[in-house]
Amino acid sequence: MAEWSLWFRLVVCVLATWRLAHLLALEDGPFDAVVSLRVRVGDGWLGQVMDCPYCLSLWIAAPLALLLADSLSGWVIAWWAISGGASLLERLSERDATAPAPDHRSGE
């Protein structure tokens, strides 16, 4: 990853953060593995974090920000940027989820 440009690394980190946060919070996962994990963690602090893709994005983005930053202040900014980008994607996916599915049978 070191040879990738900074912008490309940022985009990859944002996409990876969004994908993992969305999977853990809102999907069943392959073979219901994520559902089983959510049941095991219960309703405590970790269970509440796992119910929120926005909360998860903060935790997932923190280590990924190390791939972008070379100082503490740079890490904080990268952390917020990755989580913010993932949160924006989550908002956009929520909006799309409320739209009616296209009818591909009509041929249009």
N, C-alpha and C. Protein backbone atom coordinates (compact mmCIF):
# COMPACT_ATOMS: atom_id res chain seq x y z
N MET A 1 0.81 -1.21 0.00
CA MET A 1 0.00 0.00 0.00
C MET A 1 0.85 1.26 0.00
N ALA A 2 2.08 1.15 0.40
CA ALA A 2 2.94 2.33 0.51
C ALA A 2 3.15 3.02 -0.82
N GLU A 3 3.13 2.26 -1.92
CA GLU A 3 3.34 2.89 -3.23
C GLU A 3 2.08 3.55 -3.80
N TRP A 4 0.94 3.31 -3.17
CA TRP A 4 -0.29 3.96 -3.61
C TRP A 4 -0.26 5.43 -3.23
N SER A 5 -0.92 6.28 -4.02
CA SER A 5 -0.99 7.70 -3.68
C SER A 5 -1.82 7.89 -2.41
N LEU A 6 -1.59 9.01 -1.76
CA LEU A 6 -2.32 9.32 -0.53
C LEU A 6 -3.83 9.35 -0.77
N TRP A 7 -4.27 9.94 -1.87
CA TRP A 7 -5.70 10.03 -2.17
C TRP A 7 -6.30 8.65 -2.40
N PHE A 8 -5.58 7.80 -3.09
CA PHE A 8 -6.07 6.45 -3.34
C PHE A 8 -6.17 5.67 -2.02
N ARG A 9 -5.17 5.81 -1.17
CA ARG A 9 -5.22 5.15 0.14
C ARG A 9 -6.41 5.65 0.96
N LEU A 10 -6.67 6.97 0.90
CA LEU A 10 -7.82 7.54 1.62
C LEU A 10 -9.12 6.92 1.12
N VAL A 11 -9.29 6.86 -0.19
CA VAL A 11 -10.51 6.30 -0.76
C VAL A 11 -10.67 4.83 -0.37
N VAL A 12 -9.59 4.07 -0.44
CA VAL A 12 -9.65 2.66 -0.06
C VAL A 12 -10.00 2.52 1.42
N CYS A 13 -9.43 3.33 2.27
CA CYS A 13 -9.74 3.28 3.71
C CYS A 13 -11.19 3.63 3.98
N VAL A 14 -11.70 4.65 3.29
CA VAL A 14 -13.11 5.04 3.47
C VAL A 14 -14.03 3.90 3.03
N LEU A 15 -13.77 3.34 1.86
CA LEU A 15 -14.61 2.26 1.36
C LEU A 15 -14.55 1.03 2.25
N ALA A 16 -13.37 0.67 2.70
CA ALA A 16 -13.22 -0.49 3.58
C ALA A 16 -13.93 -0.26 4.92
N THR A 17 -13.80 0.94 5.46
CA THR A 17 -14.47 1.27 6.72
C THR A 17 -15.98 1.20 6.57
N TRP A 18 -16.50 1.80 5.49
CA TRP A 18 -17.94 1.76 5.29
C TRP A 18 -18.43 0.32 5.13
N ARG A 19 -17.71 -0.46 4.31
CA ARG A 19 -18.16 -1.82 4.05
C ARG A 19 -18.20 -2.66 5.32
N LEU A 20 -17.16 -2.58 6.11
CA LEU A 20 -17.10 -3.37 7.34
C LEU A 20 -18.13 -2.88 8.36
N ALA A 21 -18.27 -1.57 8.52
CA ALA A 21 -19.24 -1.02 9.47
C ALA A 21 -20.66 -1.41 9.06
N HIS A 22 -20.96 -1.30 7.77
CA HIS A 22 -22.29 -1.66 7.28
C HIS A 22 -22.55 -3.15 7.48
N LEU A 23 -21.57 -3.97 7.17
CA LEU A 23 -21.71 -5.42 7.35
C LEU A 23 -21.99 -5.77 8.81
N LEU A 24 -21.17 -5.24 9.71
CA LEU A 24 -21.31 -5.60 11.13
C LEU A 24 -22.60 -5.07 11.75
N ALA A 25 -23.06 -3.91 11.33
CA ALA A 25 -24.23 -3.30 11.96
C ALA A 25 -25.55 -3.71 11.32
N LEU A 26 -25.56 -3.94 10.02
CA LEU A 26 -26.85 -4.03 9.34
C LEU A 26 -27.08 -5.29 8.52
N GLU A 27 -26.09 -6.14 8.42
CA GLU A 27 -26.25 -7.33 7.59
C GLU A 27 -26.11 -8.60 8.44
N ASP A 28 -26.61 -9.70 7.90
CA ASP A 28 -26.51 -10.98 8.60
C ASP A 28 -25.13 -11.60 8.45
N GLY A 29 -24.46 -11.27 7.36
CA GLY A 29 -23.13 -11.81 7.12
C GLY A 29 -23.19 -13.15 6.44
N PRO A 30 -22.06 -13.60 5.97
CA PRO A 30 -22.06 -14.92 5.33
C PRO A 30 -22.37 -16.01 6.36
N PHE A 31 -23.30 -16.88 5.98
CA PHE A 31 -23.70 -18.00 6.84
C PHE A 31 -24.20 -17.52 8.21
N ASP A 32 -24.78 -16.31 8.27
CA ASP A 32 -25.32 -15.72 9.50
C ASP A 32 -24.26 -15.54 10.59
N ALA A 33 -23.00 -15.46 10.20
CA ALA A 33 -21.91 -15.31 11.17
C ALA A 33 -22.00 -13.99 11.93
N VAL A 34 -22.41 -12.92 11.24
CA VAL A 34 -22.48 -11.61 11.90
C VAL A 34 -23.66 -11.57 12.86
N VAL A 35 -24.77 -12.18 12.48
CA VAL A 35 -25.92 -12.26 13.38
C VAL A 35 -25.53 -13.01 14.65
N SER A 36 -24.83 -14.11 14.49
CA SER A 36 -24.39 -14.89 15.66
C SER A 36 -23.47 -14.08 16.55
N LEU A 37 -22.59 -13.30 15.94
CA LEU A 37 -21.69 -12.44 16.71
C LEU A 37 -22.49 -11.39 17.49
N ARG A 38 -23.47 -10.76 16.82
CA ARG A 38 -24.29 -9.75 17.50
C ARG A 38 -25.05 -10.36 18.68
N VAL A 39 -25.54 -11.57 18.52
CA VAL A 39 -26.27 -12.25 19.61
C VAL A 39 -25.31 -12.52 20.77
N ARG A 40 -24.10 -12.95 20.46
CA ARG A 40 -23.13 -13.27 21.51
C ARG A 40 -22.70 -12.04 22.31
N VAL A 41 -22.57 -10.89 21.66
CA VAL A 41 -22.13 -9.70 22.41
C VAL A 41 -23.26 -9.10 23.22
N GLY A 42 -24.50 -9.41 22.88
CA GLY A 42 -25.63 -8.99 23.70
C GLY A 42 -25.95 -7.51 23.61
N ASP A 43 -26.57 -7.01 24.67
CA ASP A 43 -27.06 -5.63 24.70
C ASP A 43 -26.16 -4.68 25.46
N GLY A 44 -24.97 -5.12 25.83
CA GLY A 44 -24.04 -4.25 26.55
C GLY A 44 -23.45 -3.19 25.64
N TRP A 45 -22.36 -2.60 26.11
CA TRP A 45 -21.71 -1.52 25.38
C TRP A 45 -21.31 -1.95 23.98
N LEU A 46 -20.67 -3.11 23.86
CA LEU A 46 -20.23 -3.59 22.55
C LEU A 46 -21.42 -3.90 21.65
N GLY A 47 -22.47 -4.45 22.21
CA GLY A 47 -23.67 -4.72 21.43
C GLY A 47 -24.30 -3.45 20.89
N GLN A 48 -24.30 -2.40 21.70
CA GLN A 48 -24.84 -1.12 21.24
C GLN A 48 -23.99 -0.53 20.13
N VAL A 49 -22.67 -0.65 20.24
CA VAL A 49 -21.77 -0.15 19.18
C VAL A 49 -22.02 -0.93 17.90
N MET A 50 -22.25 -2.23 18.01
CA MET A 50 -22.45 -3.05 16.81
C MET A 50 -23.78 -2.78 16.13
N ASP A 51 -24.68 -2.08 16.76
CA ASP A 51 -25.95 -1.74 16.15
C ASP A 51 -25.88 -0.44 15.34
N CYS A 52 -24.76 0.25 15.39
CA CYS A 52 -24.67 1.58 14.79
C CYS A 52 -23.50 1.65 13.81
N PRO A 53 -23.79 1.75 12.50
CA PRO A 53 -22.69 1.83 11.54
C PRO A 53 -21.85 3.09 11.71
N TYR A 54 -22.44 4.16 12.22
CA TYR A 54 -21.69 5.40 12.44
C TYR A 54 -20.70 5.23 13.60
N CYS A 55 -21.14 4.59 14.65
CA CYS A 55 -20.24 4.31 15.79
C CYS A 55 -19.12 3.36 15.37
N LEU A 56 -19.49 2.32 14.65
CA LEU A 56 -18.50 1.36 14.20
C LEU A 56 -17.45 2.01 13.30
N SER A 57 -17.88 2.96 12.49
CA SER A 57 -16.92 3.59 11.57
C SER A 57 -15.82 4.31 12.34
N LEU A 58 -16.14 4.85 13.50
CA LEU A 58 -15.09 5.50 14.31
C LEU A 58 -14.05 4.48 14.76
N TRP A 59 -14.50 3.33 15.23
CA TRP A 59 -13.57 2.31 15.73
C TRP A 59 -12.78 1.66 14.61
N ILE A 60 -13.43 1.43 13.48
CA ILE A 60 -12.75 0.79 12.35
C ILE A 60 -11.75 1.74 11.70
N ALA A 61 -12.10 3.03 11.63
CA ALA A 61 -11.24 4.01 10.97
C ALA A 61 -9.97 4.30 11.75
N ALA A 62 -10.00 4.15 13.06
CA ALA A 62 -8.83 4.51 13.89
C ALA A 62 -7.55 3.79 13.46
N PRO A 63 -7.55 2.47 13.36
CA PRO A 63 -6.29 1.84 12.93
C PRO A 63 -5.96 2.10 11.46
N LEU A 64 -6.98 2.24 10.62
CA LEU A 64 -6.72 2.51 9.20
C LEU A 64 -6.08 3.88 9.00
N ALA A 65 -6.37 4.80 9.88
CA ALA A 65 -5.77 6.15 9.76
C ALA A 65 -4.25 6.11 9.89
N LEU A 66 -3.73 5.06 10.52
CA LEU A 66 -2.28 4.91 10.62
C LEU A 66 -1.64 4.74 9.25
N LEU A 67 -2.41 4.28 8.26
CA LEU A 67 -1.89 4.11 6.91
C LEU A 67 -1.73 5.43 6.18
N LEU A 68 -2.32 6.49 6.73
CA LEU A 68 -2.31 7.79 6.05
C LEU A 68 -1.49 8.85 6.76
N ALA A 69 -1.23 8.67 8.04
CA ALA A 69 -0.66 9.75 8.85
C ALA A 69 0.76 9.46 9.28
N ASP A 70 1.52 10.55 9.48
CA ASP A 70 2.87 10.42 9.99
C ASP A 70 3.09 11.22 11.27
N SER A 71 1.99 11.73 11.84
CA SER A 71 2.05 12.46 13.11
C SER A 71 0.74 12.24 13.85
N LEU A 72 0.72 12.59 15.13
CA LEU A 72 -0.50 12.43 15.92
C LEU A 72 -1.63 13.28 15.37
N SER A 73 -1.34 14.53 15.05
CA SER A 73 -2.39 15.40 14.52
C SER A 73 -2.86 14.91 13.15
N GLY A 74 -1.95 14.40 12.34
CA GLY A 74 -2.33 13.84 11.04
C GLY A 74 -3.19 12.60 11.21
N TRP A 75 -2.87 11.78 12.22
CA TRP A 75 -3.67 10.59 12.48
C TRP A 75 -5.09 10.97 12.89
N VAL A 76 -5.24 11.97 13.75
CA VAL A 76 -6.58 12.40 14.19
C VAL A 76 -7.39 12.89 13.00
N ILE A 77 -6.78 13.72 12.15
CA ILE A 77 -7.50 14.24 10.98
C ILE A 77 -7.85 13.10 10.02
N ALA A 78 -6.92 12.18 9.78
CA ALA A 78 -7.19 11.05 8.90
C ALA A 78 -8.30 10.17 9.48
N TRP A 79 -8.26 9.96 10.80
CA TRP A 79 -9.28 9.16 11.48
C TRP A 79 -10.66 9.76 11.25
N TRP A 80 -10.78 11.06 11.49
CA TRP A 80 -12.07 11.73 11.30
C TRP A 80 -12.49 11.73 9.84
N ALA A 81 -11.54 11.90 8.94
CA ALA A 81 -11.86 11.93 7.51
C ALA A 81 -12.36 10.56 7.03
N ILE A 82 -11.71 9.51 7.44
CA ILE A 82 -12.14 8.16 7.05
C ILE A 82 -13.52 7.86 7.61
N SER A 83 -13.72 8.12 8.89
CA SER A 83 -15.03 7.88 9.50
C SER A 83 -16.10 8.78 8.87
N GLY A 84 -15.75 10.02 8.61
CA GLY A 84 -16.71 10.94 7.98
C GLY A 84 -17.10 10.48 6.59
N GLY A 85 -16.12 10.03 5.81
CA GLY A 85 -16.43 9.51 4.48
C GLY A 85 -17.30 8.28 4.54
N ALA A 86 -17.01 7.39 5.47
CA ALA A 86 -17.82 6.18 5.63
C ALA A 86 -19.24 6.54 6.09
N SER A 87 -19.36 7.53 6.96
CA SER A 87 -20.68 7.97 7.42
C SER A 87 -21.47 8.59 6.28
N LEU A 88 -20.80 9.34 5.43
CA LEU A 88 -21.46 9.91 4.26
C LEU A 88 -21.97 8.81 3.33
N LEU A 89 -21.16 7.80 3.09
CA LEU A 89 -21.61 6.67 2.27
C LEU A 89 -22.79 5.96 2.91
N GLU A 90 -22.77 5.83 4.23
CA GLU A 90 -23.90 5.20 4.91
C GLU A 90 -25.17 6.00 4.72
N ARG A 91 -25.06 7.33 4.84
CA ARG A 91 -26.24 8.19 4.62
C ARG A 91 -26.77 8.03 3.20
N LEU A 92 -25.87 7.99 2.24
CA LEU A 92 -26.28 7.83 0.84
C LEU A 92 -26.92 6.46 0.61
N SER A 93 -26.41 5.43 1.25
CA SER A 93 -26.99 4.10 1.09
C SER A 93 -28.36 4.01 1.76
N GLU A 94 -28.56 4.73 2.86
CA GLU A 94 -29.87 4.76 3.50
C GLU A 94 -30.90 5.41 2.60
N ARG A 95 -30.51 6.50 1.96
CA ARG A 95 -31.41 7.21 1.07
C ARG A 95 -31.79 6.32 -0.10
N ASP A 96 -30.82 5.60 -0.68
CA ASP A 96 -31.10 4.71 -1.80
C ASP A 96 -31.96 3.53 -1.39
N ALA A 97 -31.85 3.10 -0.14
CA ALA A 97 -32.61 1.94 0.32
C ALA A 97 -34.11 2.25 0.38
N THR A 98 -34.49 3.52 0.50
CA THR A 98 -35.91 3.87 0.58
C THR A 98 -36.53 4.03 -0.80
N ALA A 99 -35.70 4.13 -1.83
CA ALA A 99 -36.22 4.28 -3.19
C ALA A 99 -36.78 2.94 -3.66
N PRO A 100 -37.85 2.99 -4.45
CA PRO A 100 -38.40 1.73 -4.95
C PRO A 100 -37.41 1.05 -5.89
N ALA A 101 -37.38 -0.25 -5.85
CA ALA A 101 -36.50 -1.01 -6.72
C ALA A 101 -36.96 -0.87 -8.16
N PRO A 102 -36.03 -0.76 -9.11
CA PRO A 102 -36.45 -0.65 -10.51
C PRO A 102 -37.08 -1.96 -10.97
N ASP A 103 -38.05 -1.85 -11.85
CA ASP A 103 -38.72 -3.02 -12.41
C ASP A 103 -38.03 -3.38 -13.71
N HIS A 104 -37.18 -4.38 -13.67
CA HIS A 104 -36.41 -4.77 -14.85
C HIS A 104 -37.23 -5.62 -15.82
N ARG A 105 -38.38 -6.05 -15.39
CA ARG A 105 -39.22 -6.88 -16.25
C ARG A 105 -39.91 -6.06 -17.32
N SER A 106 -40.06 -4.76 -17.12
CA SER A 106 -40.81 -3.93 -18.08
C SER A 106 -40.03 -3.66 -19.36
N GLY A 107 -38.71 -3.91 -19.35
CA GLY A 107 -37.91 -3.70 -20.53
C GLY A 107 -37.45 -2.27 -20.73
N GLU A 108 -37.71 -1.40 -19.75
CA GLU A 108 -37.29 0.01 -19.87
C GLU A 108 -35.95 0.23 -19.27
